[in-house]
Amino acid sequence: MSQESDRLFAQPLAQVPDFVFNEDVVRVFPDMIKRSVPGYPTIVENIGVLAARFAQPHSLLYDLGCSLGAVTQALRRHVQAEDCRVLAVDNSAAMVARCREYLHAQDSMFQELLPAEVIEADILGLELQPASLVAMNFTLQFIQPERRLELLTRIRQSLLPGGALILSEKLRFEDDEEQELLNELHIAFKRANGYSELEIAQKRNAIENVMKPDSLEQHGKRLRAAGFRKVVPWFQCLNFVSLIALP
């Protein structure tokens, strides 16, 4: 499927609206995420590899906040456990529609993939079924901070013994000097990927009221409060991290 370059913030805007996962974003999302999140392709592919370690036969795998289904596709490529299925969930109708198209295209290229269902729902109101693997790839940061512990607690309660949560997030840093350095390096990453100063500034204004990152220390503390016994960082590139949380 053809993918458009991200030019959403290339022209000056009189007023920058809050970032929304609408049809305009969906149209350029693969390019946007690749040029904005250091290590994104590595994270996605290896979530599939990690999931193969924890996925159990005859169990459910969740991709919560699935966007266009990149993680779901990785799960389907790598997980070989018998009779597993993937449930991908997103609250954006535009994302869900395009995700279904991408999974249909994947079906035409591969044989014997895990069955996958994509549903439009708010994960805060979703009744979670028992699962051996839950992936949340850059999703928690868009949940209201006061609801995050509640959601993680429900995920922990839904996990089967021996299962895992894989959580990827943008970080903020408690040390001001570290925060400034990593923020500058992230901006340099965006510049190196072709974003202009105007695009960087306007995208930052659009997303700052929508996405609220936590520190690594906050993530660990919250995950343990939710009932996870072990939190293992397995990947970090600049201010982006992915964790394995074990029940």
C-alpha atoms as a PDB file:
ATOM      1  CA  MET A   1       0.000   0.000   0.000  1.00  0.00           C
ATOM      2  CA  SER A   2       1.246   3.495  -0.841  1.00  0.00           C
ATOM      3  CA  GLN A   3       2.383   5.669   2.053  1.00  0.00           C
ATOM      4  CA  GLU A   4       2.464   9.464   2.092  1.00  0.00           C
ATOM      5  CA  SER A   5       5.235  11.600   3.568  1.00  0.00           C
ATOM      6  CA  ASP A   6       4.413  13.439   6.751  1.00  0.00           C
ATOM      7  CA  ARG A   7       3.911  17.099   5.859  1.00  0.00           C
ATOM      8  CA  LEU A   8       1.107  17.823   8.323  1.00  0.00           C
ATOM      9  CA  PHE A   9       2.984  20.611  10.088  1.00  0.00           C
ATOM     10  CA  ALA A  10       5.084  21.870   7.175  1.00  0.00           C
ATOM     11  CA  GLN A  11       3.077  25.091   6.692  1.00  0.00           C
ATOM     12  CA  PRO A  12       2.617  27.778   9.360  1.00  0.00           C
ATOM     13  CA  LEU A  13      -0.638  27.350  11.275  1.00  0.00           C
ATOM     14  CA  ALA A  14      -2.427  30.345  12.819  1.00  0.00           C
ATOM     15  CA  GLN A  15      -3.434  28.080  15.703  1.00  0.00           C
ATOM     16  CA  VAL A  16      -1.984  24.618  16.240  1.00  0.00           C
ATOM     17  CA  PRO A  17      -4.786  22.220  17.281  1.00  0.00           C
ATOM     18  CA  ASP A  18      -4.259  19.371  19.724  1.00  0.00           C
ATOM     19  CA  PHE A  19      -2.943  16.221  18.085  1.00  0.00           C
ATOM     20  CA  VAL A  20      -5.676  13.771  17.079  1.00  0.00           C
ATOM     21  CA  PHE A  21      -5.355  10.333  15.460  1.00  0.00           C
ATOM     22  CA  ASN A  22      -7.651  11.287  12.581  1.00  0.00           C
ATOM     23  CA  GLU A  23      -7.645  10.402   8.891  1.00  0.00           C
ATOM     24  CA  ASP A  24      -4.937  12.971   8.110  1.00  0.00           C
ATOM     25  CA  VAL A  25      -2.590  11.409  10.664  1.00  0.00           C
ATOM     26  CA  VAL A  26      -3.470   7.867   9.590  1.00  0.00           C
ATOM     27  CA  ARG A  27      -2.550   8.706   6.003  1.00  0.00           C
ATOM     28  CA  VAL A  28       1.037   9.670   6.954  1.00  0.00           C
ATOM     29  CA  PHE A  29       1.452   7.675  10.184  1.00  0.00           C
ATOM     30  CA  PRO A  30       4.030   5.094   8.980  1.00  0.00           C
ATOM     31  CA  ASP A  31       6.327   7.896   7.801  1.00  0.00           C
ATOM     32  CA  MET A  32       5.637  10.027  10.889  1.00  0.00           C
ATOM     33  CA  ILE A  33       6.423   7.314  13.411  1.00  0.00           C
ATOM     34  CA  LYS A  34       9.556   6.131  11.596  1.00  0.00           C
ATOM     35  CA  ARG A  35      10.962   9.667  11.442  1.00  0.00           C
ATOM     36  CA  SER A  36       9.917  10.622  14.983  1.00  0.00           C
ATOM     37  CA  VAL A  37      10.626   7.590  17.188  1.00  0.00           C
ATOM     38  CA  PRO A  38      14.246   6.372  17.320  1.00  0.00           C
ATOM     39  CA  GLY A  39      14.453   2.602  17.068  1.00  0.00           C
ATOM     40  CA  TYR A  40      10.776   2.132  16.219  1.00  0.00           C
ATOM     41  CA  PRO A  41      11.229  -0.642  13.602  1.00  0.00           C
ATOM     42  CA  THR A  42      13.554  -2.530  15.979  1.00  0.00           C
ATOM     43  CA  ILE A  43      11.081  -2.247  18.841  1.00  0.00           C
ATOM     44  CA  VAL A  44       8.158  -3.473  16.754  1.00  0.00           C
ATOM     45  CA  GLU A  45       9.916  -6.459  15.205  1.00  0.00           C
ATOM     46  CA  ASN A  46      11.393  -7.566  18.497  1.00  0.00           C
ATOM     47  CA  ILE A  47       8.081  -7.339  20.315  1.00  0.00           C
ATOM     48  CA  GLY A  48       7.139 -10.234  18.039  1.00  0.00           C
ATOM     49  CA  VAL A  49      10.325 -12.080  19.016  1.00  0.00           C
ATOM     50  CA  LEU A  50       9.753 -11.448  22.724  1.00  0.00           C
ATOM     51  CA  ALA A  51       6.090 -12.417  22.464  1.00  0.00           C
ATOM     52  CA  ALA A  52       7.085 -15.815  21.110  1.00  0.00           C
ATOM     53  CA  ARG A  53       8.823 -16.411  24.455  1.00  0.00           C
ATOM     54  CA  PHE A  54       5.706 -15.699  26.523  1.00  0.00           C
ATOM     55  CA  ALA A  55       2.767 -16.654  24.283  1.00  0.00           C
ATOM     56  CA  GLN A  56       1.057 -19.818  25.493  1.00  0.00           C
ATOM     57  CA  PRO A  57      -0.924 -22.353  23.456  1.00  0.00           C
ATOM     58  CA  HIS A  58      -4.672 -21.732  23.244  1.00  0.00           C
ATOM     59  CA  SER A  59      -4.357 -18.186  24.585  1.00  0.00           C
ATOM     60  CA  LEU A  60      -5.157 -14.601  23.651  1.00  0.00           C
ATOM     61  CA  LEU A  61      -2.575 -11.939  22.787  1.00  0.00           C
ATOM     62  CA  TYR A  62      -3.533  -8.263  23.077  1.00  0.00           C
ATOM     63  CA  ASP A  63      -2.232  -5.304  21.088  1.00  0.00           C
ATOM     64  CA  LEU A  64      -3.729  -2.386  23.034  1.00  0.00           C
ATOM     65  CA  GLY A  65      -3.587   0.907  21.167  1.00  0.00           C
ATOM     66  CA  CYS A  66      -2.747  -0.949  17.984  1.00  0.00           C
ATOM     67  CA  SER A  67      -2.777   2.063  15.602  1.00  0.00           C
ATOM     68  CA  LEU A  68      -2.074   0.577  12.134  1.00  0.00           C
ATOM     69  CA  GLY A  69      -1.285  -2.877  13.512  1.00  0.00           C
ATOM     70  CA  ALA A  70       2.498  -3.003  13.191  1.00  0.00           C
ATOM     71  CA  VAL A  71       2.815  -4.912  16.476  1.00  0.00           C
ATOM     72  CA  THR A  72      -0.065  -7.220  15.565  1.00  0.00           C
ATOM     73  CA  GLN A  73       1.704  -8.043  12.315  1.00  0.00           C
ATOM     74  CA  ALA A  74       4.930  -8.800  14.224  1.00  0.00           C
ATOM     75  CA  LEU A  75       3.041 -11.047  16.646  1.00  0.00           C
ATOM     76  CA  ARG A  76       1.547 -12.955  13.741  1.00  0.00           C
ATOM     77  CA  ARG A  77       4.962 -13.408  12.091  1.00  0.00           C
ATOM     78  CA  HIS A  78       6.797 -14.678  15.168  1.00  0.00           C
ATOM     79  CA  VAL A  79       4.407 -16.439  17.541  1.00  0.00           C
ATOM     80  CA  GLN A  80       4.184 -20.147  16.782  1.00  0.00           C
ATOM     81  CA  ALA A  81       2.270 -21.325  19.867  1.00  0.00           C
ATOM     82  CA  GLU A  82      -0.695 -23.481  18.922  1.00  0.00           C
ATOM     83  CA  ASP A  83      -4.156 -21.945  18.702  1.00  0.00           C
ATOM     84  CA  CYS A  84      -3.240 -18.391  19.722  1.00  0.00           C
ATOM     85  CA  ARG A  85      -5.165 -15.404  18.462  1.00  0.00           C
ATOM     86  CA  VAL A  86      -4.533 -11.654  18.505  1.00  0.00           C
ATOM     87  CA  LEU A  87      -7.028  -9.014  19.569  1.00  0.00           C
ATOM     88  CA  ALA A  88      -5.974  -5.543  18.398  1.00  0.00           C
ATOM     89  CA  VAL A  89      -7.749  -2.566  19.939  1.00  0.00           C
ATOM     90  CA  ASP A  90      -7.756   1.152  19.126  1.00  0.00           C
ATOM     91  CA  ASN A  91     -10.163   3.996  19.825  1.00  0.00           C
ATOM     92  CA  SER A  92      -9.558   5.732  16.480  1.00  0.00           C
ATOM     93  CA  ALA A  93     -12.035   4.681  13.798  1.00  0.00           C
ATOM     94  CA  ALA A  94      -9.613   5.825  11.090  1.00  0.00           C
ATOM     95  CA  MET A  95      -6.786   3.729  12.556  1.00  0.00           C
ATOM     96  CA  VAL A  96      -9.001   0.652  12.922  1.00  0.00           C
ATOM     97  CA  ALA A  97     -10.204   0.841   9.320  1.00  0.00           C
ATOM     98  CA  ARG A  98      -6.684   1.144   7.918  1.00  0.00           C
ATOM     99  CA  CYS A  99      -5.342  -1.506  10.310  1.00  0.00           C
ATOM    100  CA  ARG A 100      -7.862  -3.992   8.955  1.00  0.00           C
ATOM    101  CA  GLU A 101      -6.680  -3.207   5.419  1.00  0.00           C
ATOM    102  CA  TYR A 102      -3.044  -3.813   6.375  1.00  0.00           C
ATOM    103  CA  LEU A 103      -3.829  -7.121   8.077  1.00  0.00           C
ATOM    104  CA  HIS A 104      -5.810  -8.236   5.044  1.00  0.00           C
ATOM    105  CA  ALA A 105      -2.765  -7.415   2.878  1.00  0.00           C
ATOM    106  CA  GLN A 106      -0.556  -9.394   5.276  1.00  0.00           C
ATOM    107  CA  ASP A 107      -2.914 -12.371   4.946  1.00  0.00           C
ATOM    108  CA  SER A 108      -2.356 -12.348   1.193  1.00  0.00           C
ATOM    109  CA  MET A 109       1.446 -12.490   1.607  1.00  0.00           C
ATOM    110  CA  PHE A 110       1.810 -15.116   4.325  1.00  0.00           C
ATOM    111  CA  GLN A 111       0.271 -18.467   5.104  1.00  0.00           C
ATOM    112  CA  GLU A 112      -0.739 -19.914   8.461  1.00  0.00           C
ATOM    113  CA  LEU A 113      -0.697 -16.635  10.361  1.00  0.00           C
ATOM    114  CA  LEU A 114      -2.345 -16.268  13.747  1.00  0.00           C
ATOM    115  CA  PRO A 115      -5.966 -15.151  13.463  1.00  0.00           C
ATOM    116  CA  ALA A 116      -6.348 -11.486  14.361  1.00  0.00           C
ATOM    117  CA  GLU A 117      -9.383  -9.351  15.109  1.00  0.00           C
ATOM    118  CA  VAL A 118      -9.333  -5.540  15.173  1.00  0.00           C
ATOM    119  CA  ILE A 119     -11.925  -3.719  17.245  1.00  0.00           C
ATOM    120  CA  GLU A 120     -12.667  -0.060  17.873  1.00  0.00           C
ATOM    121  CA  ALA A 121     -12.894   0.498  21.633  1.00  0.00           C
ATOM    122  CA  ASP A 122     -11.603   2.590  24.508  1.00  0.00           C
ATOM    123  CA  ILE A 123      -9.175   0.324  26.339  1.00  0.00           C
ATOM    124  CA  LEU A 124     -10.123   1.993  29.627  1.00  0.00           C
ATOM    125  CA  GLY A 125     -13.589   0.498  29.280  1.00  0.00           C
ATOM    126  CA  LEU A 126     -12.561  -2.782  27.696  1.00  0.00           C
ATOM    127  CA  GLU A 127     -13.325  -5.955  29.605  1.00  0.00           C
ATOM    128  CA  LEU A 128     -10.017  -7.777  29.421  1.00  0.00           C
ATOM    129  CA  GLN A 129     -10.047 -11.532  28.901  1.00  0.00           C
ATOM    130  CA  PRO A 130      -7.324 -13.866  30.201  1.00  0.00           C
ATOM    131  CA  ALA A 131      -4.221 -13.406  28.035  1.00  0.00           C
ATOM    132  CA  SER A 132      -0.657 -14.640  27.937  1.00  0.00           C
ATOM    133  CA  LEU A 133       0.760 -11.502  26.313  1.00  0.00           C
ATOM    134  CA  VAL A 134      -0.279  -7.844  26.315  1.00  0.00           C
ATOM    135  CA  ALA A 135       1.570  -5.294  24.173  1.00  0.00           C
ATOM    136  CA  MET A 136       1.140  -1.547  24.661  1.00  0.00           C
ATOM    137  CA  ASN A 137       3.379   0.224  22.187  1.00  0.00           C
ATOM    138  CA  PHE A 138       3.449   3.983  22.882  1.00  0.00           C
ATOM    139  CA  THR A 139      -0.125   3.912  24.184  1.00  0.00           C
ATOM    140  CA  LEU A 140      -0.004   4.478  27.939  1.00  0.00           C
ATOM    141  CA  GLN A 141       1.448   7.969  27.443  1.00  0.00           C
ATOM    142  CA  PHE A 142      -1.857   9.030  25.843  1.00  0.00           C
ATOM    143  CA  ILE A 143      -3.947   7.740  28.774  1.00  0.00           C
ATOM    144  CA  GLN A 144      -4.901  10.240  31.476  1.00  0.00           C
ATOM    145  CA  PRO A 145      -2.174   9.943  34.148  1.00  0.00           C
ATOM    146  CA  GLU A 146      -4.720   9.337  36.914  1.00  0.00           C
ATOM    147  CA  ARG A 147      -6.127   6.310  35.020  1.00  0.00           C
ATOM    148  CA  ARG A 148      -2.820   4.572  34.246  1.00  0.00           C
ATOM    149  CA  LEU A 149      -2.497   2.545  37.436  1.00  0.00           C
ATOM    150  CA  GLU A 150      -6.083   1.347  37.098  1.00  0.00           C
ATOM    151  CA  LEU A 151      -5.455   0.143  33.553  1.00  0.00           C
ATOM    152  CA  LEU A 152      -2.173  -1.586  34.404  1.00  0.00           C
ATOM    153  CA  THR A 153      -3.794  -3.277  37.391  1.00  0.00           C
ATOM    154  CA  ARG A 154      -6.523  -4.710  35.158  1.00  0.00           C
ATOM    155  CA  ILE A 155      -3.890  -5.882  32.667  1.00  0.00           C
ATOM    156  CA  ARG A 156      -1.936  -7.571  35.468  1.00  0.00           C
ATOM    157  CA  GLN A 157      -5.098  -9.295  36.684  1.00  0.00           C
ATOM    158  CA  SER A 158      -5.868 -10.547  33.162  1.00  0.00           C
ATOM    159  CA  LEU A 159      -2.413 -12.070  32.563  1.00  0.00           C
ATOM    160  CA  LEU A 160      -2.040 -15.808  32.779  1.00  0.00           C
ATOM    161  CA  PRO A 161       0.767 -17.202  34.970  1.00  0.00           C
ATOM    162  CA  GLY A 162       3.971 -17.014  32.945  1.00  0.00           C
ATOM    163  CA  GLY A 163       2.610 -14.250  30.719  1.00  0.00           C
ATOM    164  CA  ALA A 164       4.010 -10.759  30.199  1.00  0.00           C
ATOM    165  CA  LEU A 165       3.226  -7.140  29.445  1.00  0.00           C
ATOM    166  CA  ILE A 166       5.484  -5.408  26.910  1.00  0.00           C
ATOM    167  CA  LEU A 167       5.267  -1.648  27.404  1.00  0.00           C
ATOM    168  CA  SER A 168       6.956   0.910  25.133  1.00  0.00           C
ATOM    169  CA  GLU A 169       6.931   4.606  26.055  1.00  0.00           C
ATOM    170  CA  LYS A 170       8.595   7.940  25.523  1.00  0.00           C
ATOM    171  CA  LEU A 171      10.467   8.951  28.665  1.00  0.00           C
ATOM    172  CA  ARG A 172      10.932  12.138  30.557  1.00  0.00           C
ATOM    173  CA  PHE A 173      13.881  12.329  32.920  1.00  0.00           C
ATOM    174  CA  GLU A 174      13.885  13.417  36.549  1.00  0.00           C
ATOM    175  CA  ASP A 175      17.357  14.956  36.205  1.00  0.00           C
ATOM    176  CA  ASP A 176      16.968  18.327  34.436  1.00  0.00           C
ATOM    177  CA  GLU A 177      20.328  18.125  32.670  1.00  0.00           C
ATOM    178  CA  GLU A 178      19.581  14.627  31.399  1.00  0.00           C
ATOM    179  CA  GLN A 179      16.135  15.724  30.243  1.00  0.00           C
ATOM    180  CA  GLU A 180      17.566  18.678  28.326  1.00  0.00           C
ATOM    181  CA  LEU A 181      20.285  16.582  26.688  1.00  0.00           C
ATOM    182  CA  LEU A 182      17.973  13.753  25.591  1.00  0.00           C
ATOM    183  CA  ASN A 183      15.379  16.241  24.338  1.00  0.00           C
ATOM    184  CA  GLU A 184      18.035  18.017  22.258  1.00  0.00           C
ATOM    185  CA  LEU A 185      19.241  14.709  20.847  1.00  0.00           C
ATOM    186  CA  HIS A 186      15.689  13.710  19.943  1.00  0.00           C
ATOM    187  CA  ILE A 187      15.227  17.001  18.095  1.00  0.00           C
ATOM    188  CA  ALA A 188      18.514  16.330  16.273  1.00  0.00           C
ATOM    189  CA  PHE A 189      17.136  12.907  15.298  1.00  0.00           C
ATOM    190  CA  LYS A 190      14.064  14.586  13.789  1.00  0.00           C
ATOM    191  CA  ARG A 191      16.185  17.118  11.917  1.00  0.00           C
ATOM    192  CA  ALA A 192      18.323  14.302  10.527  1.00  0.00           C
ATOM    193  CA  ASN A 193      15.123  12.690   9.250  1.00  0.00           C
ATOM    194  CA  GLY A 194      14.130  15.793   7.303  1.00  0.00           C
ATOM    195  CA  TYR A 195      11.815  17.670   9.643  1.00  0.00           C
ATOM    196  CA  SER A 196      12.138  21.459   9.600  1.00  0.00           C
ATOM    197  CA  GLU A 197      12.310  23.650  12.707  1.00  0.00           C
ATOM    198  CA  LEU A 198       8.735  24.755  11.973  1.00  0.00           C
ATOM    199  CA  GLU A 199       7.488  21.175  11.744  1.00  0.00           C
ATOM    200  CA  ILE A 200       9.250  20.202  14.962  1.00  0.00           C
ATOM    201  CA  ALA A 201       7.883  23.216  16.862  1.00  0.00           C
ATOM    202  CA  GLN A 202       4.308  22.878  15.619  1.00  0.00           C
ATOM    203  CA  LYS A 203       4.194  19.123  16.235  1.00  0.00           C
ATOM    204  CA  ARG A 204       5.484  19.714  19.769  1.00  0.00           C
ATOM    205  CA  ASN A 205       2.743  22.301  20.384  1.00  0.00           C
ATOM    206  CA  ALA A 206       0.111  19.922  19.017  1.00  0.00           C
ATOM    207  CA  ILE A 207       1.089  16.974  21.168  1.00  0.00           C
ATOM    208  CA  GLU A 208       2.189  18.516  24.482  1.00  0.00           C
ATOM    209  CA  ASN A 209      -1.349  18.617  25.932  1.00  0.00           C
ATOM    210  CA  VAL A 210      -2.182  15.131  24.647  1.00  0.00           C
ATOM    211  CA  MET A 211       0.877  13.023  25.443  1.00  0.00           C
ATOM    212  CA  LYS A 212       2.191  13.014  29.020  1.00  0.00           C
ATOM    213  CA  PRO A 213       5.395  10.932  29.361  1.00  0.00           C
ATOM    214  CA  ASP A 214       6.578   9.444  32.645  1.00  0.00           C
ATOM    215  CA  SER A 215      10.073   8.769  33.937  1.00  0.00           C
ATOM    216  CA  LEU A 216      11.518   5.269  33.988  1.00  0.00           C
ATOM    217  CA  GLU A 217      11.339   5.395  37.776  1.00  0.00           C
ATOM    218  CA  GLN A 218       7.627   6.254  37.642  1.00  0.00           C
ATOM    219  CA  HIS A 219       6.952   3.385  35.250  1.00  0.00           C
ATOM    220  CA  GLY A 220       8.706   0.901  37.507  1.00  0.00           C
ATOM    221  CA  LYS A 221       6.959   2.132  40.633  1.00  0.00           C
ATOM    222  CA  ARG A 222       3.531   2.085  38.975  1.00  0.00           C
ATOM    223  CA  LEU A 223       3.987  -1.353  37.438  1.00  0.00           C
ATOM    224  CA  ARG A 224       4.945  -2.779  40.816  1.00  0.00           C
ATOM    225  CA  ALA A 225       1.947  -1.049  42.404  1.00  0.00           C
ATOM    226  CA  ALA A 226      -0.205  -2.733  39.760  1.00  0.00           C
ATOM    227  CA  GLY A 227       1.072  -6.125  40.922  1.00  0.00           C
ATOM    228  CA  PHE A 228       3.967  -6.859  38.580  1.00  0.00           C
ATOM    229  CA  ARG A 229       6.892  -8.455  40.419  1.00  0.00           C
ATOM    230  CA  LYS A 230       9.637  -7.729  37.887  1.00  0.00           C
ATOM    231  CA  VAL A 231      10.241  -4.917  35.392  1.00  0.00           C
ATOM    232  CA  VAL A 232      13.004  -5.443  32.836  1.00  0.00           C
ATOM    233  CA  PRO A 233      14.066  -2.701  30.380  1.00  0.00           C
ATOM    234  CA  TRP A 234      15.044  -4.499  27.181  1.00  0.00           C
ATOM    235  CA  PHE A 235      15.482  -1.561  24.794  1.00  0.00           C
ATOM    236  CA  GLN A 236      16.282   2.145  24.963  1.00  0.00           C
ATOM    237  CA  CYS A 237      17.190   4.604  22.228  1.00  0.00           C
ATOM    238  CA  LEU A 238      17.484   8.226  23.320  1.00  0.00           C
ATOM    239  CA  ASN A 239      14.284   9.042  25.242  1.00  0.00           C
ATOM    240  CA  PHE A 240      12.296   6.016  24.110  1.00  0.00           C
ATOM    241  CA  VAL A 241      12.197   2.769  26.072  1.00  0.00           C
ATOM    242  CA  SER A 242      10.525  -0.638  26.017  1.00  0.00           C
ATOM    243  CA  LEU A 243       9.980  -2.761  29.128  1.00  0.00           C
ATOM    244  CA  ILE A 244       8.965  -6.312  29.951  1.00  0.00           C
ATOM    245  CA  ALA A 245       6.731  -6.497  33.037  1.00  0.00           C
ATOM    246  CA  LEU A 246       6.308  -9.941  34.585  1.00  0.00           C
ATOM    247  CA  PRO A 247       3.429 -10.969  36.879  1.00  0.00           C
END
